[in-house]
Amino acid sequence: MKKLLLLITLFTLFVACKKETNKKDECGCNGIIQYTIPDAEPLYGSLSYKIQLDSLDDFYNNKFWFGYTVPNCINCVHAYILCNEDFLSDTLKSKLVSGEIIQVKFSGYVTETCQKTFAPADYTYNRLILTKIEEK
């Protein structure tokens, strides 16, 4: 009886640990696609490069970010942190790294961030696998 109880306990722990490991694969650039921003219906927003200004801010610094605000909802802000940075031209990257913010239309595949942050309920943060970008 004790052996059976031990086997059940070990099996339960193994399954629980296995599920936690799989959860890590559900987020980030290689994570499960949550939704698609179609090429035929791109979003219009801004593209910038985020640097660390606050020593306590360690949320996806030194990354390219797309910002999109839902029309008629100034507080509905969606931030997309770029996964495939090689999709951007070197000229565009150098403008952004120097501090410019560029208006673009963009599309791609959206996944969850692995690192979470506290934000108002109408703000979202996701990763973006870019499929198309155009300066406005």
C-alpha atoms as a PDB file:
ATOM      1  CA  MET A   1       0.000   0.000   0.000  1.00  0.00           C
ATOM      2  CA  LYS A   2       2.825   2.402   0.878  1.00  0.00           C
ATOM      3  CA  LYS A   3       4.523   1.656  -2.443  1.00  0.00           C
ATOM      4  CA  LEU A   4       1.310   2.443  -4.298  1.00  0.00           C
ATOM      5  CA  LEU A   5       0.923   5.730  -2.438  1.00  0.00           C
ATOM      6  CA  LEU A   6       4.559   6.594  -3.173  1.00  0.00           C
ATOM      7  CA  LEU A   7       4.093   5.815  -6.884  1.00  0.00           C
ATOM      8  CA  ILE A   8       0.959   7.972  -7.076  1.00  0.00           C
ATOM      9  CA  THR A   9       2.754  10.852  -5.330  1.00  0.00           C
ATOM     10  CA  LEU A  10       5.772  10.612  -7.628  1.00  0.00           C
ATOM     11  CA  PHE A  11       3.546  10.410 -10.700  1.00  0.00           C
ATOM     12  CA  THR A  12       1.584  13.488  -9.574  1.00  0.00           C
ATOM     13  CA  LEU A  13       4.785  15.451  -8.993  1.00  0.00           C
ATOM     14  CA  PHE A  14       6.161  14.385 -12.377  1.00  0.00           C
ATOM     15  CA  VAL A  15       2.983  15.463 -14.202  1.00  0.00           C
ATOM     16  CA  ALA A  16       2.865  18.800 -12.332  1.00  0.00           C
ATOM     17  CA  CYS A  17       6.525  19.538 -13.141  1.00  0.00           C
ATOM     18  CA  LYS A  18       6.023  18.501 -16.759  1.00  0.00           C
ATOM     19  CA  LYS A  19       3.074  20.900 -17.131  1.00  0.00           C
ATOM     20  CA  GLU A  20       5.116  23.782 -15.696  1.00  0.00           C
ATOM     21  CA  THR A  21       7.932  23.092 -18.166  1.00  0.00           C
ATOM     22  CA  ASN A  22       5.468  23.101 -21.065  1.00  0.00           C
ATOM     23  CA  LYS A  23       3.995  26.425 -19.926  1.00  0.00           C
ATOM     24  CA  LYS A  24       7.335  28.115 -20.640  1.00  0.00           C
ATOM     25  CA  ASP A  25       6.999  27.018 -24.262  1.00  0.00           C
ATOM     26  CA  GLU A  26       3.635  28.772 -24.500  1.00  0.00           C
ATOM     27  CA  CYS A  27       5.093  32.285 -24.249  1.00  0.00           C
ATOM     28  CA  GLY A  28       7.745  34.390 -25.939  1.00  0.00           C
ATOM     29  CA  CYS A  29       8.807  34.505 -29.556  1.00  0.00           C
ATOM     30  CA  ASN A  30       8.502  30.737 -29.968  1.00  0.00           C
ATOM     31  CA  GLY A  31       5.258  30.599 -28.015  1.00  0.00           C
ATOM     32  CA  ILE A  32       1.736  29.832 -29.068  1.00  0.00           C
ATOM     33  CA  ILE A  33       0.291  32.401 -31.468  1.00  0.00           C
ATOM     34  CA  GLN A  34      -2.529  34.176 -29.647  1.00  0.00           C
ATOM     35  CA  TYR A  35      -3.843  36.052 -32.681  1.00  0.00           C
ATOM     36  CA  THR A  36      -2.783  37.460 -36.036  1.00  0.00           C
ATOM     37  CA  ILE A  37      -2.660  41.045 -37.241  1.00  0.00           C
ATOM     38  CA  PRO A  38      -3.369  40.354 -40.941  1.00  0.00           C
ATOM     39  CA  ASP A  39      -1.244  41.865 -43.728  1.00  0.00           C
ATOM     40  CA  ALA A  40      -4.484  42.961 -45.401  1.00  0.00           C
ATOM     41  CA  GLU A  41      -5.596  44.832 -42.251  1.00  0.00           C
ATOM     42  CA  PRO A  42      -2.426  46.197 -40.633  1.00  0.00           C
ATOM     43  CA  LEU A  43      -2.431  48.295 -37.480  1.00  0.00           C
ATOM     44  CA  TYR A  44      -1.283  51.921 -37.568  1.00  0.00           C
ATOM     45  CA  GLY A  45       0.981  52.831 -34.699  1.00  0.00           C
ATOM     46  CA  SER A  46       4.419  53.913 -33.604  1.00  0.00           C
ATOM     47  CA  LEU A  47       7.734  52.118 -33.548  1.00  0.00           C
ATOM     48  CA  SER A  48      10.423  52.980 -31.024  1.00  0.00           C
ATOM     49  CA  TYR A  49      13.433  51.531 -29.235  1.00  0.00           C
ATOM     50  CA  LYS A  50      13.111  51.112 -25.479  1.00  0.00           C
ATOM     51  CA  ILE A  51      16.142  51.768 -23.313  1.00  0.00           C
ATOM     52  CA  GLN A  52      16.400  51.506 -19.550  1.00  0.00           C
ATOM     53  CA  LEU A  53      15.810  54.919 -17.978  1.00  0.00           C
ATOM     54  CA  ASP A  54      14.828  53.692 -14.518  1.00  0.00           C
ATOM     55  CA  SER A  55      17.151  51.316 -12.677  1.00  0.00           C
ATOM     56  CA  LEU A  56      14.109  49.375 -11.446  1.00  0.00           C
ATOM     57  CA  ASP A  57      12.755  48.890 -14.963  1.00  0.00           C
ATOM     58  CA  ASP A  58      13.942  45.591 -16.383  1.00  0.00           C
ATOM     59  CA  PHE A  59      10.958  44.982 -18.675  1.00  0.00           C
ATOM     60  CA  TYR A  60      12.178  44.187 -22.208  1.00  0.00           C
ATOM     61  CA  ASN A  61      14.772  46.948 -22.442  1.00  0.00           C
ATOM     62  CA  ASN A  62      16.939  47.399 -25.536  1.00  0.00           C
ATOM     63  CA  LYS A  63      14.153  46.075 -27.728  1.00  0.00           C
ATOM     64  CA  PHE A  64      12.078  47.525 -30.549  1.00  0.00           C
ATOM     65  CA  TRP A  65       8.489  48.240 -29.503  1.00  0.00           C
ATOM     66  CA  PHE A  66       5.347  48.848 -31.546  1.00  0.00           C
ATOM     67  CA  GLY A  67       2.631  50.915 -29.905  1.00  0.00           C
ATOM     68  CA  TYR A  68      -0.993  50.869 -30.989  1.00  0.00           C
ATOM     69  CA  THR A  69      -3.851  52.867 -29.467  1.00  0.00           C
ATOM     70  CA  VAL A  70      -7.381  51.730 -30.239  1.00  0.00           C
ATOM     71  CA  PRO A  71      -9.330  54.468 -32.063  1.00  0.00           C
ATOM     72  CA  ASN A  72     -11.835  56.283 -29.825  1.00  0.00           C
ATOM     73  CA  CYS A  73     -10.231  54.769 -26.705  1.00  0.00           C
ATOM     74  CA  ILE A  74      -7.209  56.805 -25.681  1.00  0.00           C
ATOM     75  CA  ASN A  75      -6.529  54.468 -22.716  1.00  0.00           C
ATOM     76  CA  CYS A  76      -6.656  51.262 -24.782  1.00  0.00           C
ATOM     77  CA  VAL A  77      -2.968  50.795 -25.506  1.00  0.00           C
ATOM     78  CA  HIS A  78      -1.342  47.693 -26.946  1.00  0.00           C
ATOM     79  CA  ALA A  79       2.432  47.313 -26.899  1.00  0.00           C
ATOM     80  CA  TYR A  80       4.144  44.733 -29.070  1.00  0.00           C
ATOM     81  CA  ILE A  81       7.785  43.856 -28.438  1.00  0.00           C
ATOM     82  CA  LEU A  82       9.471  42.792 -31.658  1.00  0.00           C
ATOM     83  CA  CYS A  83      10.800  39.242 -31.928  1.00  0.00           C
ATOM     84  CA  ASN A  84      12.422  39.206 -35.370  1.00  0.00           C
ATOM     85  CA  GLU A  85      14.554  42.353 -35.242  1.00  0.00           C
ATOM     86  CA  ASP A  86      16.386  41.309 -38.406  1.00  0.00           C
ATOM     87  CA  PHE A  87      13.167  42.145 -40.271  1.00  0.00           C
ATOM     88  CA  LEU A  88      13.974  45.859 -39.784  1.00  0.00           C
ATOM     89  CA  SER A  89      16.444  47.584 -42.075  1.00  0.00           C
ATOM     90  CA  ASP A  90      19.725  48.834 -40.591  1.00  0.00           C
ATOM     91  CA  THR A  91      18.737  52.401 -41.506  1.00  0.00           C
ATOM     92  CA  LEU A  92      15.465  52.112 -39.616  1.00  0.00           C
ATOM     93  CA  LYS A  93      17.192  50.501 -36.627  1.00  0.00           C
ATOM     94  CA  SER A  94      19.765  53.295 -36.386  1.00  0.00           C
ATOM     95  CA  LYS A  95      17.026  55.970 -36.466  1.00  0.00           C
ATOM     96  CA  LEU A  96      15.152  54.201 -33.680  1.00  0.00           C
ATOM     97  CA  VAL A  97      18.206  53.547 -31.507  1.00  0.00           C
ATOM     98  CA  SER A  98      19.057  57.256 -31.742  1.00  0.00           C
ATOM     99  CA  GLY A  99      15.680  58.074 -30.172  1.00  0.00           C
ATOM    100  CA  GLU A 100      13.325  58.646 -33.101  1.00  0.00           C
ATOM    101  CA  ILE A 101       9.751  57.400 -32.954  1.00  0.00           C
ATOM    102  CA  ILE A 102       8.440  56.440 -36.371  1.00  0.00           C
ATOM    103  CA  GLN A 103       4.811  56.090 -37.447  1.00  0.00           C
ATOM    104  CA  VAL A 104       4.241  52.777 -39.217  1.00  0.00           C
ATOM    105  CA  LYS A 105       1.636  50.271 -40.236  1.00  0.00           C
ATOM    106  CA  PHE A 106       2.464  46.715 -39.295  1.00  0.00           C
ATOM    107  CA  SER A 107       1.174  43.171 -39.188  1.00  0.00           C
ATOM    108  CA  GLY A 108       2.306  39.846 -37.806  1.00  0.00           C
ATOM    109  CA  TYR A 109       1.774  37.062 -35.313  1.00  0.00           C
ATOM    110  CA  VAL A 110       1.189  37.887 -31.649  1.00  0.00           C
ATOM    111  CA  THR A 111       2.376  35.743 -28.729  1.00  0.00           C
ATOM    112  CA  GLU A 112       2.408  36.301 -24.971  1.00  0.00           C
ATOM    113  CA  THR A 113       5.344  37.804 -23.116  1.00  0.00           C
ATOM    114  CA  CYS A 114       7.068  35.442 -20.705  1.00  0.00           C
ATOM    115  CA  GLN A 115       7.996  38.259 -18.358  1.00  0.00           C
ATOM    116  CA  LYS A 116       4.896  39.915 -16.868  1.00  0.00           C
ATOM    117  CA  THR A 117       4.418  43.440 -15.535  1.00  0.00           C
ATOM    118  CA  PHE A 118       1.781  45.366 -13.622  1.00  0.00           C
ATOM    119  CA  ALA A 119      -0.248  47.697 -15.831  1.00  0.00           C
ATOM    120  CA  PRO A 120      -3.739  49.183 -16.056  1.00  0.00           C
ATOM    121  CA  ALA A 121      -6.365  46.711 -17.280  1.00  0.00           C
ATOM    122  CA  ASP A 122      -6.680  48.427 -20.657  1.00  0.00           C
ATOM    123  CA  TYR A 123      -2.954  48.065 -21.466  1.00  0.00           C
ATOM    124  CA  THR A 124      -1.564  44.897 -23.028  1.00  0.00           C
ATOM    125  CA  TYR A 125       1.994  43.720 -23.625  1.00  0.00           C
ATOM    126  CA  ASN A 126       2.773  41.015 -26.179  1.00  0.00           C
ATOM    127  CA  ARG A 127       5.558  39.760 -28.420  1.00  0.00           C
ATOM    128  CA  LEU A 128       5.264  40.290 -32.191  1.00  0.00           C
ATOM    129  CA  ILE A 129       6.644  38.224 -35.032  1.00  0.00           C
ATOM    130  CA  LEU A 130       6.583  40.861 -37.753  1.00  0.00           C
ATOM    131  CA  THR A 131       5.402  39.901 -41.245  1.00  0.00           C
ATOM    132  CA  LYS A 132       5.031  43.364 -42.796  1.00  0.00           C
ATOM    133  CA  ILE A 133       5.987  46.940 -41.973  1.00  0.00           C
ATOM    134  CA  GLU A 134       5.579  50.201 -43.827  1.00  0.00           C
ATOM    135  CA  GLU A 135       6.472  53.720 -42.779  1.00  0.00           C
ATOM    136  CA  LYS A 136       3.489  56.079 -42.899  1.00  0.00           C
END
